[in-house]
N, C-alpha and C. Protein backbone atom coordinates (compact mmCIF):
# COMPACT_ATOMS: atom_id res chain seq x y z
N UNK A 1 0.74 -1.34 0.06
CA UNK A 1 -0.06 -0.19 -0.08
C UNK A 1 1.12 1.40 -0.42
N UNK A 2 1.86 1.11 0.06
CA UNK A 2 3.28 2.69 0.42
C UNK A 2 2.87 2.84 -1.16
N UNK A 3 2.89 2.50 -2.22
CA UNK A 3 2.97 2.93 -3.26
C UNK A 3 1.62 3.12 -4.07
N UNK A 4 0.40 2.94 -3.58
CA UNK A 4 -1.39 2.86 -3.97
C UNK A 4 -1.61 1.70 -3.98
N UNK A 5 -2.49 1.26 -4.41
CA UNK A 5 -3.12 0.24 -4.50
C UNK A 5 -3.37 0.03 -6.39
N UNK A 6 -2.78 -1.12 -6.98
CA UNK A 6 -2.73 -1.35 -8.26
C UNK A 6 -2.82 0.02 -8.88
N UNK A 7 -1.34 0.75 -8.10
CA UNK A 7 -0.65 2.05 -8.70
C UNK A 7 -0.08 1.47 -10.59
N UNK A 8 -0.81 2.19 -11.82
CA UNK A 8 -0.36 1.25 -13.01
C UNK A 8 1.24 1.42 -13.08
N UNK A 9 1.62 2.80 -12.90
CA UNK A 9 2.97 2.41 -13.00
C UNK A 9 3.76 1.25 -12.53
N UNK A 10 3.20 0.90 -11.22
CA UNK A 10 3.99 -0.15 -10.21
C UNK A 10 3.87 -1.48 -10.94
N UNK A 11 2.30 -1.45 -11.44
CA UNK A 11 1.78 -2.51 -11.96
C UNK A 11 2.47 -3.09 -13.12
N UNK A 12 2.67 -1.83 -14.26
CA UNK A 12 3.69 -2.10 -15.27
C UNK A 12 4.94 -2.40 -14.75
N UNK A 13 5.77 -1.92 -14.06
CA UNK A 13 6.76 -2.30 -13.67
C UNK A 13 7.35 -3.34 -13.26
N UNK A 14 6.20 -4.30 -12.32
CA UNK A 14 6.35 -5.53 -12.45
C UNK A 14 5.82 -6.59 -13.31
N UNK A 15 5.26 -5.97 -14.02
CA UNK A 15 4.81 -7.03 -15.41
C UNK A 15 6.37 -7.53 -15.96
N UNK A 16 7.01 -6.19 -16.28
CA UNK A 16 8.39 -5.98 -17.23
C UNK A 16 9.13 -7.14 -16.02
N UNK A 17 9.41 -7.21 -14.51
CA UNK A 17 10.24 -7.58 -14.40
C UNK A 17 9.76 -8.65 -14.01
N UNK A 18 8.13 -9.38 -14.36
CA UNK A 18 8.55 -10.97 -13.80
C UNK A 18 8.64 -11.27 -15.21
N UNK A 19 8.91 -10.83 -16.54
CA UNK A 19 9.07 -11.20 -17.41
C UNK A 19 10.63 -12.02 -17.50
N UNK A 20 11.15 -11.67 -16.74
CA UNK A 20 12.65 -11.71 -16.97
C UNK A 20 13.04 -13.10 -15.53
N UNK A 21 11.98 -13.29 -14.83
CA UNK A 21 11.58 -14.35 -13.90
C UNK A 21 11.72 -13.81 -12.28
N UNK A 22 11.48 -14.64 -11.71
CA UNK A 22 11.53 -14.03 -10.39
C UNK A 22 12.42 -14.71 -8.97
N UNK A 23 12.93 -15.91 -9.42
CA UNK A 23 13.99 -16.48 -8.83
C UNK A 23 15.48 -16.74 -9.32
N UNK A 24 16.17 -16.50 -8.92
CA UNK A 24 17.12 -17.36 -9.65
C UNK A 24 18.80 -17.09 -8.42
N UNK A 25 19.99 -18.23 -9.57
CA UNK A 25 20.42 -19.06 -7.99
C UNK A 25 21.89 -17.70 -7.70
N UNK A 26 21.56 -16.55 -9.18
CA UNK A 26 22.76 -15.99 -9.00
C UNK A 26 22.43 -14.73 -8.90
N UNK A 27 23.31 -13.59 -9.01
CA UNK A 27 22.83 -12.53 -9.20
C UNK A 27 22.74 -12.31 -10.49
N UNK A 28 21.15 -11.27 -10.36
CA UNK A 28 21.20 -10.86 -11.66
C UNK A 28 21.30 -9.20 -12.22
N UNK A 29 21.25 -8.85 -13.13
CA UNK A 29 21.55 -7.60 -14.11
C UNK A 29 20.91 -6.75 -12.70
N UNK A 30 19.63 -6.49 -12.31
CA UNK A 30 19.36 -5.81 -11.71
C UNK A 30 19.97 -5.60 -10.32
N UNK A 31 20.24 -6.87 -9.86
CA UNK A 31 20.82 -6.64 -8.60
C UNK A 31 22.42 -5.97 -8.87
N UNK A 32 23.10 -6.28 -9.43
CA UNK A 32 24.32 -5.83 -9.82
C UNK A 32 24.56 -4.47 -9.99
N UNK A 33 23.41 -3.92 -10.67
CA UNK A 33 23.44 -2.91 -10.82
C UNK A 33 23.13 -1.83 -9.13
N UNK A 34 22.00 -2.36 -8.78
CA UNK A 34 22.06 -1.82 -7.34
C UNK A 34 22.81 -1.70 -6.89
N UNK A 35 23.48 -3.30 -6.56
CA UNK A 35 25.00 -2.93 -5.58
C UNK A 35 26.04 -2.03 -6.20
N UNK A 36 26.43 -1.89 -7.33
CA UNK A 36 27.14 -0.46 -7.89
C UNK A 36 26.60 0.85 -7.09
N UNK A 37 25.40 0.93 -7.45
CA UNK A 37 24.68 1.97 -7.19
C UNK A 37 25.20 1.95 -5.39
N UNK A 38 24.40 1.08 -4.57
CA UNK A 38 25.38 1.34 -3.36
C UNK A 38 26.77 1.77 -2.97
N UNK A 39 27.41 0.66 -3.42
CA UNK A 39 28.80 0.96 -3.15
C UNK A 39 29.63 2.38 -3.50
N UNK A 40 28.85 3.32 -5.23
CA UNK A 40 29.31 4.15 -5.33
C UNK A 40 28.56 5.23 -4.51
N UNK A 41 27.15 5.01 -3.54
CA UNK A 41 27.34 6.12 -2.93
C UNK A 41 27.60 6.00 -1.55
N UNK A 42 28.25 4.97 -1.21
CA UNK A 42 28.40 4.63 0.47
C UNK A 42 30.01 4.51 0.19
N UNK A 43 31.14 5.02 0.18
CA UNK A 43 32.61 4.61 0.03
C UNK A 43 33.00 3.40 0.09
N UNK A 44 32.94 3.43 1.58
CA UNK A 44 33.52 2.38 2.36
C UNK A 44 32.73 1.19 2.37
N UNK A 45 31.62 1.01 1.53
CA UNK A 45 31.40 -0.15 1.14
C UNK A 45 31.81 -1.01 -0.05
N UNK A 46 32.42 -1.97 0.49
CA UNK A 46 33.20 -2.95 -0.20
C UNK A 46 32.82 -4.16 -0.87
N UNK A 47 31.67 -4.53 -0.49
CA UNK A 47 30.77 -6.01 -1.11
C UNK A 47 29.15 -6.15 -0.36
N UNK A 48 28.78 -6.21 -1.21
CA UNK A 48 27.39 -6.29 -0.85
C UNK A 48 26.79 -7.70 -1.38
N UNK A 49 25.96 -7.93 -0.19
CA UNK A 49 24.68 -9.43 -0.45
C UNK A 49 23.64 -8.80 -0.22
N UNK A 50 22.34 -9.36 -1.12
CA UNK A 50 21.18 -8.73 -1.39
C UNK A 50 20.60 -10.15 -1.30
N UNK A 51 19.72 -9.97 0.29
CA UNK A 51 19.07 -11.53 0.36
C UNK A 51 17.53 -10.79 0.70
N UNK A 52 16.48 -11.87 0.82
CA UNK A 52 14.97 -12.03 0.44
C UNK A 52 14.22 -11.28 1.71
N UNK A 53 15.09 -11.28 2.91
CA UNK A 53 14.31 -10.87 4.36
C UNK A 53 15.24 -10.56 5.12
N UNK A 54 14.31 -10.34 6.38
CA UNK A 54 15.04 -9.46 7.46
C UNK A 54 15.56 -10.87 8.03
N UNK A 55 15.24 -12.01 8.06
CA UNK A 55 15.78 -13.03 8.83
C UNK A 55 17.44 -13.54 8.19
N UNK A 56 17.17 -13.57 6.68
CA UNK A 56 18.24 -14.26 6.10
C UNK A 56 19.64 -12.71 6.32
N UNK A 57 18.99 -12.02 6.32
CA UNK A 57 20.14 -10.77 6.45
C UNK A 57 20.80 -10.82 7.74
N UNK A 58 19.82 -10.90 9.22
CA UNK A 58 20.44 -11.40 10.14
C UNK A 58 21.07 -12.45 10.57
N UNK A 59 21.10 -13.68 9.91
CA UNK A 59 21.66 -14.97 9.36
C UNK A 59 23.20 -14.62 9.11
N UNK A 60 23.20 -13.77 7.51
CA UNK A 60 24.33 -13.87 7.62
C UNK A 60 25.02 -13.03 8.20
N UNK A 61 24.65 -11.75 8.84
CA UNK A 61 25.43 -10.75 9.89
C UNK A 61 26.05 -11.42 10.79
N UNK A 62 25.10 -12.52 11.37
CA UNK A 62 25.56 -13.49 12.61
C UNK A 62 26.72 -14.22 12.03
N UNK A 63 26.74 -14.89 11.02
CA UNK A 63 27.35 -16.04 10.36
C UNK A 63 28.78 -14.93 10.35
N UNK A 64 28.79 -13.87 9.97
CA UNK A 64 30.00 -13.25 9.39
C UNK A 64 30.79 -12.23 11.06
N UNK A 65 29.84 -12.36 11.89
CA UNK A 65 30.20 -11.31 13.19
C UNK A 65 31.51 -12.71 13.69
N UNK A 66 30.69 -14.07 13.62
CA UNK A 66 31.33 -14.99 14.37
C UNK A 66 31.91 -15.18 13.49
N UNK A 67 32.62 -15.33 12.22
CA UNK A 67 33.65 -15.68 11.61
C UNK A 67 34.65 -14.76 12.06
N UNK A 68 34.61 -13.69 12.14
CA UNK A 68 35.40 -12.68 12.44
C UNK A 68 36.11 -12.31 13.90
N UNK A 69 35.05 -13.00 14.96
CA UNK A 69 35.52 -12.81 15.85
C UNK A 69 36.31 -14.14 16.64
N UNK A 70 35.90 -15.20 15.85
CA UNK A 70 36.05 -16.72 16.22
C UNK A 70 35.33 -16.72 17.38
N UNK A 71 33.98 -16.49 17.74
CA UNK A 71 33.41 -16.37 18.76
C UNK A 71 32.27 -17.11 18.17
N UNK A 72 31.49 -18.14 19.30
CA UNK A 72 29.80 -18.98 19.38
C UNK A 72 28.81 -17.75 19.95
N UNK A 73 29.05 -17.32 20.80
CA UNK A 73 28.12 -16.65 21.62
C UNK A 73 27.89 -15.08 20.63
N UNK A 74 26.55 -14.99 21.22
CA UNK A 74 25.96 -13.64 20.54
C UNK A 74 25.07 -13.54 21.92
N UNK A 75 24.81 -11.89 22.25
CA UNK A 75 23.35 -11.13 22.95
C UNK A 75 22.59 -10.88 21.91
N UNK A 76 21.21 -11.00 22.10
CA UNK A 76 20.05 -10.43 21.82
C UNK A 76 19.25 -9.85 22.75
N UNK A 77 18.03 -8.86 22.21
CA UNK A 77 17.31 -8.26 22.75
C UNK A 77 16.29 -9.53 23.53
N UNK A 78 15.82 -9.28 24.89
CA UNK A 78 15.16 -10.37 24.91
C UNK A 78 13.40 -9.24 24.80
N UNK A 79 12.32 -10.34 23.84
CA UNK A 79 10.99 -9.87 23.26
C UNK A 79 11.38 -9.13 22.60
N UNK A 80 12.75 -9.14 21.65
CA UNK A 80 12.59 -8.37 20.26
C UNK A 80 12.53 -9.50 19.07
N UNK A 81 12.10 -9.66 18.27
CA UNK A 81 12.30 -10.16 16.93
C UNK A 81 13.53 -10.04 15.99
N UNK A 82 14.36 -11.24 16.00
CA UNK A 82 14.96 -11.09 15.21
C UNK A 82 15.48 -12.10 13.97
N UNK A 83 14.32 -12.19 13.63
CA UNK A 83 14.14 -13.35 12.68
C UNK A 83 13.41 -14.84 12.80
N UNK A 84 13.88 -15.54 12.07
CA UNK A 84 12.96 -16.94 12.00
C UNK A 84 13.97 -17.75 12.32
N UNK A 85 15.27 -17.50 12.34
CA UNK A 85 16.42 -18.09 12.86
C UNK A 85 16.03 -18.87 14.42
N UNK A 86 16.27 -20.34 14.16
CA UNK A 86 15.72 -20.90 15.93
C UNK A 86 17.06 -20.40 16.84
N UNK A 87 18.01 -20.34 16.63
CA UNK A 87 19.05 -19.65 17.17
C UNK A 87 18.21 -18.40 17.85
N UNK A 88 17.82 -17.49 17.07
CA UNK A 88 17.25 -16.37 17.86
C UNK A 88 15.88 -16.20 18.60
N UNK A 89 15.07 -17.50 18.47
CA UNK A 89 13.86 -17.28 18.49
C UNK A 89 14.19 -17.82 20.23
N UNK A 90 15.45 -18.75 20.60
CA UNK A 90 15.32 -19.15 21.90
C UNK A 90 15.71 -17.72 23.14
N UNK A 91 14.71 -18.19 24.48
CA UNK A 91 14.63 -17.12 25.14
C UNK A 91 13.66 -15.30 24.72
N UNK A 92 13.19 -15.80 23.52
CA UNK A 92 12.43 -14.88 23.20
C UNK A 92 11.00 -14.56 23.23
N UNK A 93 10.68 -14.94 24.44
CA UNK A 93 8.96 -15.34 24.49
C UNK A 93 8.37 -16.44 23.66
N UNK A 94 9.00 -17.33 23.20
CA UNK A 94 8.36 -18.14 22.42
C UNK A 94 8.42 -19.80 23.13
N UNK A 95 7.26 -19.82 23.81
CA UNK A 95 6.85 -20.63 24.73
C UNK A 95 8.17 -21.39 25.70
N UNK A 96 8.56 -22.91 25.52
CA UNK A 96 9.83 -23.28 26.42
C UNK A 96 10.81 -22.40 25.67
N UNK A 97 11.13 -22.03 25.18
CA UNK A 97 12.74 -21.53 24.59
C UNK A 97 12.81 -19.92 25.59
N UNK A 98 11.94 -19.43 26.19
CA UNK A 98 11.70 -18.37 27.43
C UNK A 98 12.87 -18.97 28.64
N UNK A 99 12.48 -20.28 29.01
CA UNK A 99 12.98 -20.86 30.16
C UNK A 99 14.22 -21.36 29.80
N UNK A 100 14.66 -21.12 28.21
CA UNK A 100 16.61 -21.59 28.04
C UNK A 100 16.27 -23.04 27.96
N UNK A 101 15.30 -23.59 27.16
CA UNK A 101 15.38 -24.86 26.72
C UNK A 101 15.17 -25.08 25.52
N UNK A 102 15.14 -25.91 24.34
CA UNK A 102 14.58 -25.90 23.39
C UNK A 102 13.07 -26.82 23.15
N UNK A 103 11.87 -26.20 22.64
CA UNK A 103 11.26 -26.89 22.42
C UNK A 103 10.49 -27.41 21.33
N UNK A 104 11.54 -28.07 20.73
CA UNK A 104 11.10 -29.02 19.81
C UNK A 104 12.23 -29.87 19.25
N UNK A 105 11.81 -30.86 19.29
CA UNK A 105 12.77 -32.10 18.71
C UNK A 105 13.83 -31.43 17.45
N UNK A 106 15.16 -32.02 17.55
CA UNK A 106 15.95 -31.24 16.49
C UNK A 106 17.05 -29.74 17.04
N UNK A 107 16.41 -29.39 17.99
CA UNK A 107 16.93 -28.14 18.41
C UNK A 107 18.25 -28.73 19.56
N UNK A 108 19.17 -28.47 18.95
CA UNK A 108 20.23 -28.70 20.06
C UNK A 108 20.33 -27.72 21.52
N UNK A 109 20.76 -28.24 22.09
CA UNK A 109 20.69 -26.91 23.52
C UNK A 109 21.16 -26.43 23.39
N UNK A 110 22.56 -26.33 22.97
CA UNK A 110 23.92 -25.45 22.36
C UNK A 110 23.08 -24.43 21.67
N UNK A 111 22.17 -24.50 21.02
CA UNK A 111 21.65 -23.11 20.22
C UNK A 111 20.89 -22.08 21.37
N UNK A 112 20.61 -22.38 22.31
CA UNK A 112 19.82 -21.32 23.51
C UNK A 112 21.14 -21.49 24.32
N UNK A 113 22.41 -22.33 24.74
CA UNK A 113 23.65 -21.97 25.21
C UNK A 113 24.21 -20.76 24.86
N UNK A 114 24.28 -21.34 23.51
CA UNK A 114 25.15 -19.75 22.70
C UNK A 114 24.39 -18.46 22.70
N UNK A 115 23.43 -18.38 23.43
CA UNK A 115 22.35 -17.12 22.96
C UNK A 115 22.89 -16.59 24.25
N UNK A 116 23.04 -15.39 25.05
CA UNK A 116 22.94 -14.55 25.75
C UNK A 116 21.85 -13.59 25.70
N UNK A 117 21.40 -13.00 26.63
CA UNK A 117 20.17 -11.53 26.28
C UNK A 117 20.30 -10.62 27.21
N UNK A 118 20.08 -9.96 27.00
CA UNK A 118 19.97 -8.23 27.69
C UNK A 118 18.61 -7.61 27.45
N UNK A 119 18.57 -6.79 27.99
CA UNK A 119 17.08 -5.90 27.80
C UNK A 119 17.38 -4.90 27.03
N UNK A 120 16.28 -4.44 26.60
CA UNK A 120 16.58 -3.43 25.46
C UNK A 120 16.39 -2.50 26.18
N UNK A 121 17.02 -1.49 25.26
CA UNK A 121 17.45 0.03 25.76
C UNK A 121 17.84 0.08 27.08
N UNK A 122 18.89 -1.17 27.15
CA UNK A 122 19.46 -0.89 28.54
C UNK A 122 20.54 -1.20 28.69
N UNK A 123 21.60 -0.39 28.61
CA UNK A 123 22.98 -0.42 28.05
C UNK A 123 23.96 -1.20 29.16
N UNK A 124 23.45 -1.04 30.82
CA UNK A 124 23.75 -1.75 31.54
C UNK A 124 23.73 -3.34 31.34
N UNK A 125 22.47 -3.60 30.86
CA UNK A 125 22.27 -5.13 30.87
C UNK A 125 23.63 -5.83 30.25
N UNK A 126 23.52 -4.96 28.63
CA UNK A 126 24.80 -5.21 27.71
C UNK A 126 25.94 -5.54 28.83
N UNK A 127 26.42 -4.16 29.16
CA UNK A 127 27.79 -4.02 29.85
C UNK A 127 27.93 -5.35 31.14
N UNK A 128 26.62 -5.67 31.42
CA UNK A 128 26.73 -6.93 32.49
C UNK A 128 27.03 -8.40 31.55
N UNK A 129 26.03 -8.42 30.50
CA UNK A 129 27.18 -9.94 29.89
C UNK A 129 28.17 -10.09 29.56
N UNK A 130 28.83 -8.50 28.90
CA UNK A 130 30.23 -8.20 28.64
C UNK A 130 31.28 -8.52 29.67
N UNK A 131 30.71 -8.33 31.00
CA UNK A 131 31.70 -8.47 32.12
C UNK A 131 31.60 -9.89 32.48
N UNK A 132 30.34 -10.84 32.23
CA UNK A 132 30.41 -12.00 32.49
C UNK A 132 31.91 -13.01 31.65
N UNK A 133 32.43 -12.27 30.92
CA UNK A 133 33.33 -12.61 30.17
C UNK A 133 32.63 -14.32 29.40
N UNK A 134 31.52 -14.22 29.25
CA UNK A 134 31.15 -15.82 29.17
C UNK A 134 31.17 -15.90 27.05
N UNK A 135 31.38 -14.23 26.59
CA UNK A 135 30.74 -14.25 24.99
C UNK A 135 32.57 -15.22 25.17
N UNK A 136 33.40 -14.55 25.16
CA UNK A 136 35.01 -15.71 24.46
C UNK A 136 34.51 -17.02 24.34
N UNK A 137 33.45 -17.69 25.07
CA UNK A 137 33.26 -19.37 24.99
C UNK A 137 33.06 -19.58 23.66
């Protein structure tokens, strides 16, 4: 609804886009052009990975952070939505996961063990988690 209900310009552009396909395993020409525009506008950006959802973006940034820091544990904010990745649902007010235990077969206990929780908009709770030095494991 941001662009209006059945806006003719939007519908026309969507039809043209659909003619080129909707899902590819490799970057498309449009994605490459967008990436070049972003890199041109933000000189510090050297690489871009375009994804389809916030969940995919959160998963990618988590993987990058873990690879860079060589650490497994993360801090997330309680009661906040961080994406559909199982790891992010731990201690998020999602049933038994709130208690720090997996609530579905096939979810390793380590998923919850690697997720520390801080209070939203409370820097002291983040400092507290950092001072425990449990992030180093």
